[in-house]
Amino acid sequence: MADYFNSEDLARFNEVGKASPELFNMFMKWYGEVMKPGALDAKTKAILALAVSHTIPCPYCIDAWTTGAIKLGATPEELAEAIQVTAALKAGATLAFHIQSINVMDRG
């Protein structure tokens, strides 16, 4: 079987909006505005997007934001560090949810 996620499919993203073009266009406009430089520059936003992409996880986003971050000047070290940060937070959140297990055990 071929890979389930194919980089070539990124070029087809606009097809998602065919059935509901108005909503898709609203999303794309909002998404574009969010990613414009503001308090954070474009490179920082791309690095953040890549880190979150690993946590979601979204292979298409990882592909797109790795390419985008590198084009904006991000280094392999910056990308690796950002991904490590998001991994650490995800792991910490997983451990924090153990409180739910402890609560159940405490109730007996």
Protein backbone atom coordinates (compact mmCIF):
# COMPACT_ATOMS: atom_id res chain seq x y z
CA MET A 1 0.00 0.00 0.00
CA ALA A 2 1.22 3.48 -0.77
CA ASP A 3 1.77 5.94 2.04
CA TYR A 4 -1.52 7.14 3.49
CA PHE A 5 -0.23 10.71 3.64
CA ASN A 6 1.35 11.98 0.44
CA SER A 7 3.15 15.30 0.14
CA GLU A 8 1.62 15.67 -3.31
CA ASP A 9 -1.81 15.90 -1.68
CA LEU A 10 -0.92 19.30 -0.21
CA ALA A 11 -1.43 20.77 -3.68
CA ARG A 12 -5.05 19.54 -3.54
CA PHE A 13 -5.94 21.38 -0.34
CA ASN A 14 -8.26 23.81 -2.14
CA GLU A 15 -10.47 20.86 -3.06
CA VAL A 16 -11.56 20.78 0.59
CA GLY A 17 -13.57 23.93 -0.10
CA LYS A 18 -15.49 22.74 -3.15
CA ALA A 19 -18.59 21.65 -1.26
CA SER A 20 -18.69 24.76 0.93
CA PRO A 21 -16.71 27.52 -0.79
CA GLU A 22 -18.02 30.39 1.34
CA LEU A 23 -16.97 28.79 4.62
CA PHE A 24 -13.66 27.61 3.15
CA ASN A 25 -12.89 31.10 1.89
CA MET A 26 -13.71 32.53 5.32
CA PHE A 27 -11.33 30.02 6.90
CA MET A 28 -8.58 30.80 4.40
CA LYS A 29 -8.95 34.55 4.96
CA TRP A 30 -8.82 34.10 8.75
CA TYR A 31 -5.88 31.67 8.50
CA GLY A 32 -4.00 34.11 6.29
CA GLU A 33 -4.58 36.97 8.70
CA VAL A 34 -3.45 34.88 11.68
CA MET A 35 -0.20 33.95 9.95
CA LYS A 36 0.71 37.52 8.95
CA PRO A 37 3.51 39.12 10.97
CA GLY A 38 2.21 40.98 13.97
CA ALA A 39 3.49 40.84 17.54
CA LEU A 40 5.24 37.67 16.31
CA ASP A 41 7.24 37.64 13.10
CA ALA A 42 6.50 35.19 10.29
CA LYS A 43 9.45 32.92 11.14
CA THR A 44 8.35 32.58 14.76
CA LYS A 45 4.79 31.81 13.68
CA ALA A 46 6.05 29.16 11.24
CA ILE A 47 8.15 27.53 13.98
CA LEU A 48 5.14 27.55 16.32
CA ALA A 49 2.94 26.07 13.59
CA LEU A 50 5.47 23.30 13.01
CA ALA A 51 5.70 22.49 16.71
CA VAL A 52 1.92 22.34 17.07
CA SER A 53 1.74 20.22 13.92
CA HIS A 54 3.76 17.56 15.68
CA THR A 55 1.47 17.62 18.70
CA ILE A 56 -1.81 17.44 16.76
CA PRO A 57 -0.34 15.36 14.80
CA CYS A 58 -0.79 16.44 11.17
CA PRO A 59 1.63 15.04 8.59
CA TYR A 60 0.45 17.53 5.98
CA CYS A 61 1.03 20.43 8.36
CA ILE A 62 4.45 19.06 9.30
CA ASP A 63 5.37 18.91 5.63
CA ALA A 64 4.05 22.40 4.86
CA TRP A 65 5.43 24.14 7.97
CA THR A 66 8.86 22.49 7.77
CA THR A 67 9.15 23.87 4.26
CA GLY A 68 7.71 27.23 5.29
CA ALA A 69 9.89 27.65 8.36
CA ILE A 70 13.05 26.81 6.45
CA LYS A 71 12.11 29.30 3.70
CA LEU A 72 11.73 31.94 6.41
CA GLY A 73 15.23 31.21 7.74
CA ALA A 74 14.58 28.75 10.56
CA THR A 75 17.51 26.49 11.34
CA PRO A 76 17.34 22.75 11.97
CA GLU A 77 18.34 23.49 15.57
CA GLU A 78 15.45 25.93 16.04
CA LEU A 79 12.97 23.45 14.61
CA ALA A 80 14.28 20.59 16.74
CA GLU A 81 14.14 22.72 19.90
CA ALA A 82 10.59 23.87 19.19
CA ILE A 83 9.49 20.28 18.60
CA GLN A 84 11.18 19.20 21.84
CA VAL A 85 9.30 21.94 23.72
CA THR A 86 5.93 20.83 22.37
CA ALA A 87 6.79 17.19 23.08
CA ALA A 88 7.69 18.06 26.67
CA LEU A 89 4.40 19.90 27.17
CA LYS A 90 2.43 17.02 25.67
CA ALA A 91 4.22 14.57 27.98
CA GLY A 92 3.64 16.82 30.99
CA ALA A 93 -0.05 17.10 30.20
CA THR A 94 -0.27 13.33 29.91
CA LEU A 95 1.32 12.96 33.34
CA ALA A 96 -0.96 15.64 34.81
CA PHE A 97 -4.00 13.64 33.70
CA HIS A 98 -2.79 10.87 35.99
CA ILE A 99 -4.43 12.90 38.76
CA GLN A 100 -7.73 11.58 37.38
CA SER A 101 -6.51 8.02 37.97
CA ILE A 102 -5.36 8.94 41.46
CA ASN A 103 -8.77 10.49 42.18
CA VAL A 104 -10.53 7.29 41.11
CA MET A 105 -8.20 5.18 43.25
CA ASP A 106 -8.72 7.51 46.24
CA ARG A 107 -12.49 7.03 45.96
CA GLY A 108 -11.80 3.33 46.43
